[in-house]
Amino acid sequence: MKASLRLAAGISICLLGGTAQADGKATYDGACGVCHTAGVAGAPIVGDKEAWVERIAQGNDVLFKHVLEGFQGKVGYMPPKGGFAHLSDDDVKAALDYMVQSSQ
């Protein structure tokens, strides 16, 4: 079931990927939300200000590095690009910007 969800999300992103400008909400909805809506594997839930405050305080450069390269945190693991390797760096960064803005 989880593999089917990831495949469906990946296909959705591929179809959306033709847009000229990265759409953070669309990327979040089609990929990142798989984990960041329910807190899967320790992922901070978008909108949970307490879960995001320390992460946001690290600054965008650190957050972008973690999301693009992957990161082993205190309570979970963030795979590179959330496991959606086909996403462009700009798509992933836009999704992270959307999540941060939604969690402040």
Protein backbone atom coordinates (compact mmCIF):
# COMPACT_ATOMS: atom_id res chain seq x y z
CA MET A 1 0.00 0.00 0.00
CA LYS A 2 2.75 2.49 0.95
CA ALA A 3 4.66 1.65 -2.22
CA SER A 4 1.52 2.30 -4.25
CA LEU A 5 1.06 5.68 -2.58
CA ARG A 6 4.68 6.63 -3.26
CA LEU A 7 4.38 5.51 -6.88
CA ALA A 8 1.15 7.48 -7.36
CA ALA A 9 2.69 10.55 -5.74
CA GLY A 10 5.78 10.23 -7.92
CA ILE A 11 3.68 9.95 -11.07
CA SER A 12 1.72 13.03 -10.03
CA ILE A 13 4.90 15.01 -9.57
CA CYS A 14 6.23 13.88 -12.94
CA LEU A 15 3.06 15.14 -14.58
CA LEU A 16 3.33 18.44 -12.71
CA GLY A 17 7.04 18.74 -13.36
CA GLY A 18 6.59 20.45 -16.72
CA THR A 19 5.72 23.78 -15.15
CA ALA A 20 8.24 26.57 -15.59
CA GLN A 21 8.20 27.61 -11.94
CA ALA A 22 8.46 25.31 -8.94
CA ASP A 23 5.17 25.04 -7.05
CA GLY A 24 5.94 24.23 -3.43
CA LYS A 25 2.37 23.35 -2.46
CA ALA A 26 1.95 21.02 -5.44
CA THR A 27 5.22 19.26 -4.64
CA TYR A 28 4.22 19.02 -0.98
CA ASP A 29 0.79 17.65 -1.86
CA GLY A 30 2.20 15.09 -4.30
CA ALA A 31 5.30 13.96 -2.42
CA CYS A 32 6.30 15.53 0.90
CA GLY A 33 2.85 15.29 2.43
CA VAL A 34 3.09 11.50 2.37
CA CYS A 35 5.25 11.77 5.51
CA HIS A 36 4.83 15.34 6.73
CA THR A 37 1.04 15.11 7.12
CA ALA A 38 1.11 12.21 9.57
CA GLY A 39 4.63 12.40 11.03
CA VAL A 40 5.86 9.21 9.37
CA ALA A 41 9.39 8.21 10.50
CA GLY A 42 9.63 11.25 12.77
CA ALA A 43 8.85 13.79 10.02
CA PRO A 44 7.74 17.10 11.54
CA ILE A 45 4.08 17.68 10.74
CA VAL A 46 3.48 20.79 8.68
CA GLY A 47 1.72 23.39 10.78
CA ASP A 48 3.12 22.08 14.08
CA LYS A 49 5.02 25.21 15.11
CA GLU A 50 6.70 23.51 18.07
CA ALA A 51 8.10 20.74 15.88
CA TRP A 52 9.49 23.26 13.38
CA VAL A 53 10.84 26.06 15.58
CA GLU A 54 14.32 24.56 16.11
CA ARG A 55 14.55 23.44 12.52
CA ILE A 56 13.62 26.86 11.17
CA ALA A 57 16.14 28.50 13.53
CA GLN A 58 18.95 26.61 11.75
CA GLY A 59 18.33 28.69 8.62
CA ASN A 60 17.46 27.86 5.05
CA ASP A 61 20.96 26.80 4.02
CA VAL A 62 21.00 24.00 6.62
CA LEU A 63 17.41 22.98 5.86
CA PHE A 64 18.07 22.89 2.11
CA LYS A 65 21.19 20.76 2.69
CA HIS A 66 19.22 18.31 4.84
CA VAL A 67 16.32 18.01 2.43
CA LEU A 68 18.52 17.63 -0.65
CA GLU A 69 21.20 15.34 0.81
CA GLY A 70 19.24 13.57 3.54
CA PHE A 71 19.61 13.80 7.29
CA GLN A 72 19.54 11.55 10.36
CA GLY A 73 17.76 13.51 13.08
CA LYS A 74 17.11 12.86 16.76
CA VAL A 75 13.74 11.24 16.10
CA GLY A 76 13.77 10.23 12.47
CA TYR A 77 15.43 10.05 9.09
CA MET A 78 14.93 12.34 6.11
CA PRO A 79 15.99 10.58 2.92
CA PRO A 80 17.49 12.73 0.17
CA LYS A 81 14.65 14.61 -1.53
CA GLY A 82 12.25 12.63 0.65
CA GLY A 83 12.89 9.57 -1.49
CA PHE A 84 11.67 11.30 -4.65
CA ALA A 85 14.99 11.47 -6.50
CA HIS A 86 13.33 12.56 -9.76
CA LEU A 87 12.35 15.93 -8.24
CA SER A 88 14.48 18.91 -9.19
CA ASP A 89 16.34 20.77 -6.46
CA ASP A 90 14.11 23.77 -7.15
CA ASP A 91 10.95 21.70 -6.65
CA VAL A 92 12.25 20.36 -3.33
CA LYS A 93 13.36 23.80 -2.14
CA ALA A 94 9.97 25.28 -3.06
CA ALA A 95 8.22 22.53 -1.12
CA LEU A 96 10.44 23.19 1.89
CA ASP A 97 9.69 26.92 1.65
CA TYR A 98 5.97 26.08 1.62
CA MET A 99 6.33 23.82 4.68
CA VAL A 100 8.35 26.42 6.62
CA GLN A 101 5.88 29.20 5.80
CA SER A 102 3.00 26.96 6.87
CA SER A 103 4.72 26.12 10.15
CA GLN A 104 5.76 29.53 11.50
